[in-house]
Structure formats: structure tokens, C-alpha cells
């Protein structure tokens, strides 16, 4: 349910559960974390792109899978995935289409470049589910869009489209073929001196790490 391929020096991680709108299970979290950690150590990989099969990026967590065994431990696979996002030292890109619900939006706050298709629809309905937002998003999202706007989105659970995401700075650009556009950007990054890229990312992330 997580497929991998190499496009030049970019590792492509693809959510591959389209019949369930790519809802993420614990096994999928474990696979993503493992691939990110391996890519961090592989000098042949300069960038990683997270994308999806089908019409949607992800419906968020697979609720039935999570309810059967809630990942409440500090070393749960979800925590490991979020840690791998936070610690990933190389450029991390995402190509988003259709629904990006819950973690489908919060993980983007840890990406360096996000390209979205015009169909992209972002949603963080945590409070509607009686939960609080995950992945450090209560710090990162207000820092990105301002407290008032973040509060309105978090506290109402409202969704927003690609144009609003671009205006907020959540995504870098909109393209009808988001994956191809993201791969072009990844290739340009991969051609840069790698140490300069690593150090630039480290400096840019230092304030919120």
C-alpha cells in the first residue's frame, strides 16, 4: 500500500490504496517512516516526493484500523512517521490532488515544496472528531497563516481549496499535473550541490524544529 520508485535522484513514495481514498493504516505509517529513514542515509537519493494513486491524496487516518489498536505509545508507528518527517534532512516534496484530510494536510507543513492540482481540497477536522490537531500543526499552521485564520480553520473544521492554500503559503504552486511538476522541481534541486541544500534546509527549519 506504499509503493516506491526512483525518478533520477528522487525517491517517489506513493500512497496506493485508492479504493479507500488512500486512508492511512498503521502499516502504511510504518512503511513511510522506514522509507524516509532509509532515504535519509542513502547518498544516491537527493529528494523524496510523497504522492498518491487515484483521485485523492489521502482521507487521513484509517479510523477502523486505529480504533482496533490505538497508537497511543510514544514509540508508535505514527510517532515514528512524524519523527521521520521532522528529522528528514533532505528536500521533501509532495504532490497533492483531491482530498487531503487530517494528516494529509498536516504532513505538508513539514514538506519543503508542495505542488497541488486544481482539484486539491485541504481539511483538518480534528476538533469535529473531538481531537486536537497533530504533527505540531498548532504551532506551524498559525506561524504560516496567522493566529486568527488558523483558529478559524481549526475550530470550525472548514476545508479550503488549492487557491486558498497557495495564498496562505501552504503550497508552492498549482499545476494540473501536480506530480510531474513536482518531479521537475525535484530534479532541479537534485542538480544543486547537495551539502549546500542540506545546510540550507537545516537553517530554514532551525527556528521551528
N, C-alpha and C. Protein backbone atom coordinates (compact mmCIF):
# COMPACT_ATOMS: atom_id res chain seq x y z
N UNK A 1 0.82 -1.23 0.00
CA UNK A 1 0.00 0.00 0.00
C UNK A 1 0.84 1.27 0.00
N UNK A 2 2.17 1.11 0.13
CA UNK A 2 3.13 2.19 -0.14
C UNK A 2 4.06 1.66 -1.22
N UNK A 3 4.03 2.25 -2.40
CA UNK A 3 4.92 1.82 -3.46
C UNK A 3 6.06 2.82 -3.60
N UNK A 4 7.18 2.33 -4.09
CA UNK A 4 8.35 3.19 -4.25
C UNK A 4 8.87 3.08 -5.67
N UNK A 5 9.45 4.17 -6.16
CA UNK A 5 10.14 4.17 -7.45
C UNK A 5 11.17 5.27 -7.42
N UNK A 6 12.13 5.16 -8.29
CA UNK A 6 13.17 6.18 -8.39
C UNK A 6 13.02 6.91 -9.72
N UNK A 7 12.93 8.22 -9.61
CA UNK A 7 12.92 9.08 -10.78
C UNK A 7 14.19 9.92 -10.74
N UNK A 8 15.23 9.45 -11.46
CA UNK A 8 16.51 10.11 -11.32
C UNK A 8 17.02 9.95 -9.91
N UNK A 9 17.32 11.05 -9.26
CA UNK A 9 17.82 11.02 -7.88
C UNK A 9 16.72 11.31 -6.86
N UNK A 10 15.47 11.19 -7.31
CA UNK A 10 14.32 11.41 -6.43
C UNK A 10 13.63 10.09 -6.13
N UNK A 11 13.40 9.82 -4.85
CA UNK A 11 12.62 8.66 -4.44
C UNK A 11 11.15 9.09 -4.37
N UNK A 12 10.30 8.37 -5.07
CA UNK A 12 8.86 8.66 -5.07
C UNK A 12 8.16 7.65 -4.16
N UNK A 13 7.51 8.16 -3.12
CA UNK A 13 6.70 7.33 -2.22
C UNK A 13 5.23 7.59 -2.56
N UNK A 14 4.53 6.52 -2.90
CA UNK A 14 3.16 6.68 -3.38
C UNK A 14 2.18 5.96 -2.47
N UNK A 15 1.21 6.69 -1.93
CA UNK A 15 0.11 6.08 -1.20
C UNK A 15 -0.73 5.31 -2.21
N UNK A 16 -0.90 4.01 -2.01
CA UNK A 16 -1.50 3.17 -3.04
C UNK A 16 -2.64 2.34 -2.47
N UNK A 17 -3.66 3.06 -2.04
CA UNK A 17 -4.88 2.42 -1.53
C UNK A 17 -6.08 3.22 -2.04
N UNK A 18 -6.16 3.40 -3.36
CA UNK A 18 -7.16 4.32 -3.92
C UNK A 18 -8.60 3.93 -3.62
N UNK A 19 -8.85 2.62 -3.45
CA UNK A 19 -10.22 2.18 -3.17
C UNK A 19 -10.72 2.67 -1.82
N UNK A 20 -9.79 3.08 -0.95
CA UNK A 20 -10.13 3.65 0.36
C UNK A 20 -9.69 5.11 0.45
N UNK A 21 -9.59 5.75 -0.70
CA UNK A 21 -9.14 7.16 -0.74
C UNK A 21 -7.79 7.33 -0.04
N UNK A 22 -6.98 6.26 -0.11
CA UNK A 22 -5.64 6.27 0.48
C UNK A 22 -5.64 6.56 1.98
N UNK A 23 -6.70 6.13 2.67
CA UNK A 23 -6.70 6.24 4.14
C UNK A 23 -5.50 5.48 4.68
N UNK A 24 -4.80 6.08 5.64
CA UNK A 24 -3.51 5.56 6.07
C UNK A 24 -3.67 4.65 7.29
N UNK A 25 -3.18 3.43 7.15
CA UNK A 25 -3.19 2.46 8.24
C UNK A 25 -1.88 2.54 9.01
N UNK A 26 -1.83 1.81 10.12
CA UNK A 26 -0.59 1.75 10.90
C UNK A 26 0.55 1.15 10.09
N UNK A 27 0.23 0.11 9.29
CA UNK A 27 1.27 -0.49 8.45
C UNK A 27 1.81 0.52 7.42
N UNK A 28 0.93 1.35 6.89
CA UNK A 28 1.37 2.36 5.92
C UNK A 28 2.26 3.41 6.59
N UNK A 29 1.91 3.80 7.82
CA UNK A 29 2.77 4.72 8.57
C UNK A 29 4.16 4.11 8.77
N UNK A 30 4.18 2.83 9.13
CA UNK A 30 5.46 2.16 9.34
C UNK A 30 6.28 2.13 8.06
N UNK A 31 5.62 1.85 6.94
CA UNK A 31 6.32 1.83 5.66
C UNK A 31 6.87 3.19 5.27
N UNK A 32 6.10 4.24 5.48
CA UNK A 32 6.56 5.59 5.17
C UNK A 32 7.76 5.96 6.03
N UNK A 33 7.67 5.67 7.32
CA UNK A 33 8.78 6.00 8.22
C UNK A 33 10.05 5.26 7.82
N UNK A 34 9.91 3.98 7.50
CA UNK A 34 11.07 3.18 7.11
C UNK A 34 11.72 3.72 5.84
N UNK A 35 10.90 4.05 4.86
CA UNK A 35 11.44 4.57 3.59
C UNK A 35 12.11 5.92 3.78
N UNK A 36 11.52 6.79 4.57
CA UNK A 36 12.13 8.10 4.81
C UNK A 36 13.46 7.95 5.54
N UNK A 37 13.50 7.08 6.52
CA UNK A 37 14.74 6.90 7.28
C UNK A 37 15.84 6.31 6.41
N UNK A 38 15.48 5.37 5.53
CA UNK A 38 16.46 4.80 4.61
C UNK A 38 16.95 5.85 3.62
N UNK A 39 16.02 6.65 3.11
CA UNK A 39 16.40 7.67 2.13
C UNK A 39 17.32 8.72 2.74
N UNK A 40 17.12 9.00 4.03
CA UNK A 40 17.96 9.98 4.71
C UNK A 40 19.42 9.55 4.71
N UNK A 41 19.65 8.23 4.73
CA UNK A 41 21.01 7.69 4.81
C UNK A 41 21.60 7.32 3.45
N UNK A 42 20.81 7.38 2.40
CA UNK A 42 21.25 6.93 1.07
C UNK A 42 21.78 8.12 0.27
N UNK A 43 23.09 8.19 0.01
CA UNK A 43 23.64 9.34 -0.71
C UNK A 43 23.17 9.44 -2.16
N UNK A 44 22.63 8.35 -2.70
CA UNK A 44 22.14 8.39 -4.08
C UNK A 44 20.81 9.10 -4.21
N UNK A 45 20.12 9.27 -3.09
CA UNK A 45 18.81 9.94 -3.10
C UNK A 45 18.99 11.39 -2.66
N UNK A 46 18.61 12.32 -3.52
CA UNK A 46 18.75 13.75 -3.21
C UNK A 46 17.44 14.36 -2.71
N UNK A 47 16.31 13.80 -3.15
CA UNK A 47 14.99 14.33 -2.77
C UNK A 47 14.03 13.17 -2.58
N UNK A 48 12.96 13.43 -1.85
CA UNK A 48 11.85 12.47 -1.73
C UNK A 48 10.55 13.20 -2.08
N UNK A 49 9.73 12.54 -2.88
CA UNK A 49 8.41 13.06 -3.25
C UNK A 49 7.34 12.12 -2.74
N UNK A 50 6.40 12.65 -1.96
CA UNK A 50 5.25 11.88 -1.49
C UNK A 50 4.06 12.23 -2.37
N UNK A 51 3.43 11.22 -2.96
CA UNK A 51 2.28 11.44 -3.82
C UNK A 51 1.30 10.29 -3.63
N UNK A 52 0.37 10.11 -4.56
CA UNK A 52 -0.70 9.13 -4.32
C UNK A 52 -1.22 8.58 -5.63
N UNK A 53 -1.82 7.40 -5.52
CA UNK A 53 -2.52 6.77 -6.63
C UNK A 53 -3.99 7.17 -6.55
N UNK A 54 -4.67 7.24 -7.69
CA UNK A 54 -6.09 7.54 -7.68
C UNK A 54 -6.39 9.02 -7.67
N UNK A 55 -7.61 9.37 -7.29
CA UNK A 55 -8.10 10.75 -7.40
C UNK A 55 -7.82 11.59 -6.17
N UNK A 56 -7.38 10.98 -5.07
CA UNK A 56 -7.22 11.71 -3.82
C UNK A 56 -5.84 11.48 -3.22
N UNK A 57 -5.37 12.46 -2.46
CA UNK A 57 -4.10 12.33 -1.75
C UNK A 57 -4.29 11.35 -0.59
N UNK A 58 -5.11 11.71 0.37
CA UNK A 58 -5.46 10.77 1.43
C UNK A 58 -6.67 11.27 2.21
N UNK A 59 -7.47 10.31 2.66
CA UNK A 59 -8.61 10.62 3.53
C UNK A 59 -8.20 10.73 4.98
N UNK A 60 -6.89 10.68 5.24
CA UNK A 60 -6.40 10.76 6.62
C UNK A 60 -6.25 9.38 7.22
N UNK A 61 -6.34 9.31 8.52
CA UNK A 61 -6.17 8.03 9.21
C UNK A 61 -7.31 7.07 8.91
N UNK A 62 -6.98 5.80 8.78
CA UNK A 62 -8.00 4.76 8.67
C UNK A 62 -8.57 4.55 10.07
N UNK A 63 -9.75 5.09 10.31
CA UNK A 63 -10.31 5.13 11.66
C UNK A 63 -10.53 3.72 12.22
N UNK A 64 -11.03 2.80 11.39
CA UNK A 64 -11.27 1.43 11.87
C UNK A 64 -9.97 0.77 12.30
N UNK A 65 -8.92 0.95 11.51
CA UNK A 65 -7.62 0.37 11.85
C UNK A 65 -7.09 0.96 13.16
N UNK A 66 -7.27 2.25 13.33
CA UNK A 66 -6.76 2.91 14.54
C UNK A 66 -7.57 2.54 15.76
N UNK A 67 -8.88 2.41 15.62
CA UNK A 67 -9.72 2.08 16.75
C UNK A 67 -9.45 0.66 17.25
N UNK A 68 -9.01 -0.22 16.36
CA UNK A 68 -8.75 -1.60 16.76
C UNK A 68 -7.49 -1.70 17.61
N UNK A 69 -6.60 -0.74 17.46
CA UNK A 69 -5.36 -0.75 18.26
C UNK A 69 -4.81 0.67 18.29
N UNK A 70 -5.35 1.53 19.14
CA UNK A 70 -4.97 2.95 19.13
C UNK A 70 -3.47 3.14 19.34
N UNK A 71 -2.82 3.97 18.50
CA UNK A 71 -1.37 4.17 18.59
C UNK A 71 -1.03 5.23 19.64
N UNK A 72 -1.18 4.86 20.90
CA UNK A 72 -1.02 5.84 21.98
C UNK A 72 0.38 5.86 22.58
N UNK A 73 1.19 4.87 22.26
CA UNK A 73 2.53 4.82 22.84
C UNK A 73 3.46 5.82 22.18
N UNK A 74 4.47 6.27 22.92
CA UNK A 74 5.41 7.25 22.40
C UNK A 74 6.21 6.70 21.22
N UNK A 75 6.36 5.37 21.16
CA UNK A 75 7.11 4.76 20.07
C UNK A 75 6.18 4.09 19.05
N UNK A 76 4.94 4.57 18.95
CA UNK A 76 4.00 4.02 17.98
C UNK A 76 4.48 4.31 16.57
N UNK A 77 3.91 3.60 15.60
CA UNK A 77 4.33 3.81 14.21
C UNK A 77 3.96 5.21 13.73
N UNK A 78 2.90 5.77 14.29
CA UNK A 78 2.54 7.14 13.91
C UNK A 78 3.60 8.12 14.42
N UNK A 79 4.01 7.93 15.67
CA UNK A 79 5.05 8.79 16.23
C UNK A 79 6.35 8.65 15.44
N UNK A 80 6.65 7.42 15.02
CA UNK A 80 7.86 7.19 14.23
C UNK A 80 7.78 7.90 12.88
N UNK A 81 6.61 7.87 12.26
CA UNK A 81 6.44 8.57 10.99
C UNK A 81 6.61 10.08 11.18
N UNK A 82 5.94 10.63 12.19
CA UNK A 82 6.05 12.07 12.42
C UNK A 82 7.49 12.46 12.75
N UNK A 83 8.19 11.60 13.49
CA UNK A 83 9.59 11.85 13.78
C UNK A 83 10.44 11.82 12.53
N UNK A 84 10.14 10.88 11.63
CA UNK A 84 10.91 10.80 10.38
C UNK A 84 10.67 12.03 9.50
N UNK A 85 9.46 12.57 9.55
CA UNK A 85 9.19 13.83 8.83
C UNK A 85 10.01 14.97 9.42
N UNK A 86 9.95 15.09 10.73
CA UNK A 86 10.63 16.18 11.42
C UNK A 86 12.13 16.12 11.22
N UNK A 87 12.69 14.94 11.25
CA UNK A 87 14.13 14.77 11.20
C UNK A 87 14.68 14.63 9.78
N UNK A 88 13.83 14.53 8.78
CA UNK A 88 14.31 14.25 7.43
C UNK A 88 15.18 15.41 6.94
N UNK A 89 16.45 15.14 6.61
CA UNK A 89 17.38 16.24 6.34
C UNK A 89 17.39 16.73 4.91
N UNK A 90 16.80 15.94 4.01
CA UNK A 90 16.86 16.27 2.58
C UNK A 90 15.57 16.94 2.13
N UNK A 91 15.57 17.52 0.93
CA UNK A 91 14.34 18.15 0.44
C UNK A 91 13.20 17.14 0.34
N UNK A 92 12.07 17.51 0.92
CA UNK A 92 10.88 16.66 0.94
C UNK A 92 9.77 17.40 0.19
N UNK A 93 9.26 16.78 -0.87
CA UNK A 93 8.24 17.39 -1.70
C UNK A 93 6.97 16.56 -1.63
N UNK A 94 5.86 17.17 -2.01
CA UNK A 94 4.59 16.45 -2.07
C UNK A 94 3.80 16.94 -3.29
N UNK A 95 3.09 16.02 -3.89
CA UNK A 95 2.17 16.34 -4.98
C UNK A 95 0.78 15.92 -4.53
N UNK A 96 -0.14 16.87 -4.49
CA UNK A 96 -1.45 16.65 -3.87
C UNK A 96 -2.56 16.85 -4.89
N UNK A 97 -3.51 15.90 -4.90
CA UNK A 97 -4.72 16.04 -5.71
C UNK A 97 -5.89 15.55 -4.89
N UNK A 98 -7.06 16.07 -5.18
CA UNK A 98 -8.25 15.65 -4.47
C UNK A 98 -8.16 15.95 -2.98
N UNK A 99 -8.80 15.12 -2.18
CA UNK A 99 -8.88 15.38 -0.74
C UNK A 99 -7.56 15.11 -0.03
N UNK A 100 -7.19 16.04 0.84
CA UNK A 100 -6.03 15.88 1.73
C UNK A 100 -6.55 16.18 3.13
N UNK A 101 -7.01 15.15 3.81
CA UNK A 101 -7.73 15.30 5.07
C UNK A 101 -6.82 14.95 6.23
N UNK A 102 -6.93 15.70 7.32
CA UNK A 102 -6.18 15.39 8.53
C UNK A 102 -4.68 15.41 8.29
N UNK A 103 -4.05 14.26 8.50
CA UNK A 103 -2.61 14.16 8.30
C UNK A 103 -2.23 14.46 6.85
N UNK A 104 -3.18 14.32 5.94
CA UNK A 104 -2.93 14.68 4.55
C UNK A 104 -2.62 16.15 4.37
N UNK A 105 -3.08 16.97 5.31
CA UNK A 105 -2.72 18.39 5.31
C UNK A 105 -1.59 18.68 6.29
N UNK A 106 -1.66 18.11 7.50
CA UNK A 106 -0.65 18.46 8.50
C UNK A 106 0.75 18.01 8.09
N UNK A 107 0.88 16.89 7.36
CA UNK A 107 2.21 16.47 6.94
C UNK A 107 2.83 17.47 5.96
N UNK A 108 2.00 18.21 5.24
CA UNK A 108 2.51 19.16 4.26
C UNK A 108 3.25 20.32 4.93
N UNK A 109 2.93 20.58 6.20
CA UNK A 109 3.62 21.63 6.94
C UNK A 109 5.08 21.29 7.18
N UNK A 110 5.43 20.01 7.01
CA UNK A 110 6.82 19.57 7.18
C UNK A 110 7.54 19.42 5.84
N UNK A 111 6.82 19.61 4.74
CA UNK A 111 7.43 19.49 3.42
C UNK A 111 8.08 20.80 3.01
N UNK A 112 9.06 20.69 2.12
CA UNK A 112 9.77 21.87 1.66
C UNK A 112 9.10 22.50 0.44
N UNK A 113 8.54 21.69 -0.44
CA UNK A 113 7.83 22.19 -1.62
C UNK A 113 6.61 21.30 -1.84
N UNK A 114 5.44 21.93 -1.96
CA UNK A 114 4.21 21.19 -2.24
C UNK A 114 3.59 21.76 -3.51
N UNK A 115 3.26 20.87 -4.44
CA UNK A 115 2.53 21.24 -5.65
C UNK A 115 1.16 20.59 -5.57
N UNK A 116 0.12 21.35 -5.85
CA UNK A 116 -1.25 20.83 -5.77
C UNK A 116 -1.95 20.97 -7.11
N UNK A 117 -2.82 20.04 -7.39
CA UNK A 117 -3.66 20.15 -8.57
C UNK A 117 -4.84 21.06 -8.25
N UNK A 118 -5.53 21.57 -9.26
CA UNK A 118 -6.71 22.41 -9.00
C UNK A 118 -7.81 21.69 -8.24
N UNK A 119 -7.77 20.35 -8.23
CA UNK A 119 -8.81 19.57 -7.52
C UNK A 119 -8.52 19.43 -6.04
N UNK A 120 -7.35 19.86 -5.59
CA UNK A 120 -6.96 19.63 -4.20
C UNK A 120 -7.90 20.33 -3.23
N UNK A 121 -8.23 19.63 -2.16
CA UNK A 121 -9.09 20.18 -1.12
C UNK A 121 -8.51 19.77 0.24
N UNK A 122 -8.20 20.77 1.06
CA UNK A 122 -7.46 20.55 2.30
C UNK A 122 -8.41 20.67 3.50
N UNK A 123 -8.20 19.81 4.49
CA UNK A 123 -9.11 19.80 5.64
C UNK A 123 -8.40 19.24 6.86
N UNK A 124 -8.60 19.90 8.01
CA UNK A 124 -8.05 19.44 9.29
C UNK A 124 -9.18 19.40 10.31
N UNK A 125 -10.08 18.41 10.20
CA UNK A 125 -11.30 18.39 11.04
C UNK A 125 -11.11 17.72 12.39
N UNK A 126 -10.01 18.02 13.05
CA UNK A 126 -9.71 17.33 14.31
C UNK A 126 -10.72 17.65 15.41
N UNK A 127 -11.01 18.93 15.61
CA UNK A 127 -11.93 19.28 16.70
C UNK A 127 -13.32 18.71 16.44
N UNK A 128 -13.71 18.57 15.18
CA UNK A 128 -15.00 17.98 14.86
C UNK A 128 -15.07 16.53 15.30
N UNK A 129 -13.91 15.89 15.44
CA UNK A 129 -13.84 14.50 15.87
C UNK A 129 -13.54 14.39 17.37
N UNK A 130 -13.53 15.54 18.06
CA UNK A 130 -13.22 15.53 19.49
C UNK A 130 -11.75 15.39 19.77
N UNK A 131 -10.91 15.76 18.82
CA UNK A 131 -9.46 15.61 18.95
C UNK A 131 -8.78 16.97 18.85
N UNK A 132 -7.47 16.97 19.11
CA UNK A 132 -6.67 18.18 18.86
C UNK A 132 -5.77 17.92 17.66
N UNK A 133 -5.38 18.96 16.94
CA UNK A 133 -4.56 18.78 15.74
C UNK A 133 -3.20 18.15 16.07
N UNK A 134 -2.67 17.41 15.08
CA UNK A 134 -1.48 16.59 15.27
C UNK A 134 -0.26 17.23 14.60
N UNK A 135 0.86 16.57 14.78
CA UNK A 135 2.08 16.80 13.99
C UNK A 135 2.65 18.20 14.16
N UNK A 136 2.41 18.80 15.32
CA UNK A 136 2.95 20.13 15.53
C UNK A 136 2.22 21.21 14.77
N UNK A 137 1.05 20.87 14.22
CA UNK A 137 0.35 21.82 13.35
C UNK A 137 -0.20 23.02 14.11
N UNK A 138 -0.45 22.89 15.43
CA UNK A 138 -0.94 24.04 16.18
C UNK A 138 0.15 25.08 16.37
N UNK A 139 1.39 24.70 16.13
CA UNK A 139 2.49 25.68 16.11
C UNK A 139 2.78 26.14 14.68
N UNK A 140 2.90 25.19 13.77
CA UNK A 140 3.35 25.50 12.41
C UNK A 140 2.30 26.25 11.58
N UNK A 141 1.02 25.84 11.72
CA UNK A 141 0.00 26.47 10.88
C UNK A 141 -0.26 27.93 11.26
N UNK A 142 -0.41 28.27 12.55
CA UNK A 142 -0.55 29.69 12.88
C UNK A 142 0.68 30.52 12.48
N UNK A 143 1.87 29.92 12.59
CA UNK A 143 3.07 30.64 12.18
C UNK A 143 3.05 30.93 10.69
N UNK A 144 2.40 30.06 9.93
CA UNK A 144 2.33 30.23 8.48
C UNK A 144 1.25 31.20 8.06
N UNK A 145 0.05 31.09 8.65
CA UNK A 145 -1.10 31.84 8.13
C UNK A 145 -1.61 32.90 9.10
N UNK A 146 -1.08 32.96 10.32
CA UNK A 146 -1.58 33.89 11.33
C UNK A 146 -2.54 33.20 12.27
N UNK A 147 -2.58 33.70 13.50
CA UNK A 147 -3.37 33.04 14.54
C UNK A 147 -4.86 33.01 14.20
N UNK A 148 -5.41 34.16 13.82
CA UNK A 148 -6.86 34.24 13.60
C UNK A 148 -7.34 33.28 12.52
N UNK A 149 -6.60 33.27 11.42
CA UNK A 149 -7.02 32.40 10.32
C UNK A 149 -6.88 30.94 10.70
N UNK A 150 -5.77 30.60 11.39
CA UNK A 150 -5.58 29.22 11.82
C UNK A 150 -6.66 28.80 12.81
N UNK A 151 -6.99 29.68 13.74
CA UNK A 151 -8.02 29.37 14.73
C UNK A 151 -9.36 29.10 14.06
N UNK A 152 -9.71 29.92 13.08
CA UNK A 152 -10.99 29.74 12.38
C UNK A 152 -11.03 28.38 11.67
N UNK A 153 -9.93 28.02 11.00
CA UNK A 153 -9.90 26.75 10.27
C UNK A 153 -9.89 25.57 11.23
N UNK A 154 -9.06 25.64 12.27
CA UNK A 154 -9.00 24.54 13.23
C UNK A 154 -10.32 24.38 13.99
N UNK A 155 -10.91 25.49 14.41
CA UNK A 155 -12.05 25.41 15.33
C UNK A 155 -13.38 25.21 14.63
N UNK A 156 -13.43 25.44 13.31
CA UNK A 156 -14.66 25.16 12.56
C UNK A 156 -14.55 23.87 11.75
N UNK A 157 -13.31 23.43 11.50
CA UNK A 157 -13.12 22.24 10.68
C UNK A 157 -13.35 22.49 9.21
N UNK A 158 -13.41 23.76 8.80
CA UNK A 158 -13.71 24.07 7.40
C UNK A 158 -12.58 23.62 6.48
N UNK A 159 -12.94 23.30 5.25
CA UNK A 159 -11.97 22.91 4.24
C UNK A 159 -11.65 24.11 3.35
N UNK A 160 -10.56 24.01 2.58
CA UNK A 160 -10.20 25.08 1.65
C UNK A 160 -9.49 24.47 0.44
N UNK A 161 -9.58 25.18 -0.66
CA UNK A 161 -9.07 24.65 -1.91
C UNK A 161 -7.66 25.07 -2.23
N UNK A 162 -7.23 24.74 -3.45
CA UNK A 162 -5.85 24.98 -3.87
C UNK A 162 -5.53 26.46 -3.92
N UNK A 163 -6.46 27.28 -4.40
CA UNK A 163 -6.19 28.72 -4.50
C UNK A 163 -5.93 29.32 -3.12
N UNK A 164 -6.75 28.94 -2.13
CA UNK A 164 -6.55 29.45 -0.78
C UNK A 164 -5.24 28.92 -0.19
N UNK A 165 -4.92 27.66 -0.47
CA UNK A 165 -3.68 27.08 0.04
C UNK A 165 -2.46 27.80 -0.54
N UNK A 166 -2.54 28.18 -1.81
CA UNK A 166 -1.45 28.92 -2.44
C UNK A 166 -1.30 30.30 -1.81
N UNK A 167 -2.42 30.96 -1.59
CA UNK A 167 -2.39 32.30 -0.99
C UNK A 167 -1.87 32.26 0.44
N UNK A 168 -2.17 31.18 1.17
CA UNK A 168 -1.69 31.02 2.54
C UNK A 168 -0.19 30.70 2.60
N UNK A 169 0.33 30.11 1.53
CA UNK A 169 1.71 29.65 1.55
C UNK A 169 1.85 28.19 1.95
N UNK A 170 0.73 27.47 2.03
CA UNK A 170 0.79 26.04 2.35
C UNK A 170 1.36 25.24 1.18
N UNK A 171 1.13 25.72 -0.04
CA UNK A 171 1.67 25.08 -1.23
C UNK A 171 2.47 26.10 -2.03
N UNK A 172 3.35 25.60 -2.90
CA UNK A 172 4.22 26.47 -3.68
C UNK A 172 3.60 26.86 -5.02
N UNK A 173 2.83 25.94 -5.61
CA UNK A 173 2.21 26.24 -6.90
C UNK A 173 1.08 25.27 -7.18
N UNK A 174 0.28 25.62 -8.18
CA UNK A 174 -0.83 24.79 -8.63
C UNK A 174 -0.53 24.36 -10.05
N UNK A 175 -0.72 23.07 -10.34
CA UNK A 175 -0.48 22.56 -11.68
C UNK A 175 -1.46 21.43 -11.94
N UNK A 176 -1.98 21.36 -13.15
CA UNK A 176 -2.95 20.31 -13.47
C UNK A 176 -2.33 18.92 -13.38
N UNK A 177 -1.01 18.83 -13.57
CA UNK A 177 -0.29 17.58 -13.36
C UNK A 177 0.70 17.81 -12.23
N UNK A 178 0.20 17.75 -11.02
CA UNK A 178 1.00 18.14 -9.85
C UNK A 178 2.23 17.25 -9.69
N UNK A 179 2.08 15.95 -9.95
CA UNK A 179 3.22 15.05 -9.76
C UNK A 179 4.35 15.37 -10.73
N UNK A 180 4.02 15.56 -12.00
CA UNK A 180 5.06 15.88 -12.99
C UNK A 180 5.74 17.20 -12.66
N UNK A 181 4.95 18.19 -12.24
CA UNK A 181 5.52 19.49 -11.89
C UNK A 181 6.43 19.38 -10.69
N UNK A 182 6.04 18.57 -9.71
CA UNK A 182 6.87 18.38 -8.52
C UNK A 182 8.17 17.66 -8.87
N UNK A 183 8.11 16.71 -9.79
CA UNK A 183 9.31 15.99 -10.20
C UNK A 183 10.28 16.91 -10.93
N UNK A 184 9.76 17.85 -11.70
CA UNK A 184 10.63 18.84 -12.36
C UNK A 184 11.38 19.66 -11.31
N UNK A 185 10.66 20.10 -10.29
CA UNK A 185 11.29 20.87 -9.21
C UNK A 185 12.32 20.02 -8.49
N UNK A 186 11.95 18.77 -8.20
CA UNK A 186 12.87 17.87 -7.50
C UNK A 186 14.15 17.68 -8.31
N UNK A 187 14.04 17.53 -9.61
CA UNK A 187 15.22 17.35 -10.45
C UNK A 187 16.11 18.58 -10.42
N UNK A 188 15.51 19.76 -10.42
CA UNK A 188 16.30 20.99 -10.33
C UNK A 188 17.04 21.05 -9.00
N UNK A 189 16.36 20.66 -7.93
CA UNK A 189 17.00 20.65 -6.60
C UNK A 189 18.13 19.62 -6.59
N UNK A 190 17.88 18.45 -7.19
CA UNK A 190 18.87 17.38 -7.17
C UNK A 190 20.16 17.75 -7.89
N UNK A 191 20.08 18.71 -8.80
CA UNK A 191 21.27 19.15 -9.54
C UNK A 191 22.12 20.15 -8.77
N UNK A 192 21.62 20.62 -7.65
CA UNK A 192 22.37 21.58 -6.85
C UNK A 192 23.40 20.87 -5.98
N UNK A 193 24.44 21.57 -5.53
CA UNK A 193 25.41 20.95 -4.63
C UNK A 193 24.71 20.42 -3.37
N UNK A 194 24.81 19.13 -3.09
CA UNK A 194 23.98 18.54 -2.02
C UNK A 194 24.26 19.09 -0.64
N UNK A 195 25.49 19.40 -0.32
CA UNK A 195 25.78 19.90 1.02
C UNK A 195 25.15 21.27 1.24
N UNK A 196 25.14 22.09 0.19
CA UNK A 196 24.51 23.40 0.30
C UNK A 196 23.00 23.26 0.52
N UNK A 197 22.39 22.28 -0.14
CA UNK A 197 20.96 22.04 0.03
C UNK A 197 20.66 21.57 1.44
N UNK A 198 21.44 20.61 1.94
CA UNK A 198 21.22 20.10 3.29
C UNK A 198 21.35 21.20 4.34
N UNK A 199 22.39 22.01 4.20
CA UNK A 199 22.62 23.07 5.18
C UNK A 199 21.57 24.17 5.08
N UNK A 200 21.13 24.46 3.87
CA UNK A 200 20.07 25.47 3.70
C UNK A 200 18.79 25.02 4.36
N UNK A 201 18.41 23.76 4.15
CA UNK A 201 17.20 23.25 4.81
C UNK A 201 17.35 23.29 6.32
N UNK A 202 18.51 22.88 6.83
CA UNK A 202 18.73 22.86 8.26
C UNK A 202 18.59 24.27 8.85
N UNK A 203 19.11 25.26 8.17
CA UNK A 203 19.00 26.63 8.64
C UNK A 203 17.55 27.12 8.61
N UNK A 204 16.85 26.82 7.52
CA UNK A 204 15.47 27.27 7.38
C UNK A 204 14.56 26.63 8.42
N UNK A 205 14.84 25.37 8.79
CA UNK A 205 14.00 24.65 9.74
C UNK A 205 14.38 24.89 11.19
N UNK A 206 15.54 25.50 11.42
CA UNK A 206 16.08 25.59 12.78
C UNK A 206 15.13 26.28 13.75
N UNK A 207 14.45 27.31 13.30
CA UNK A 207 13.61 28.10 14.19
C UNK A 207 12.38 27.35 14.68
N UNK A 208 11.91 26.37 13.92
CA UNK A 208 10.68 25.65 14.29
C UNK A 208 10.93 24.19 14.61
N UNK A 209 12.20 23.77 14.59
CA UNK A 209 12.50 22.33 14.72
C UNK A 209 12.09 21.81 16.09
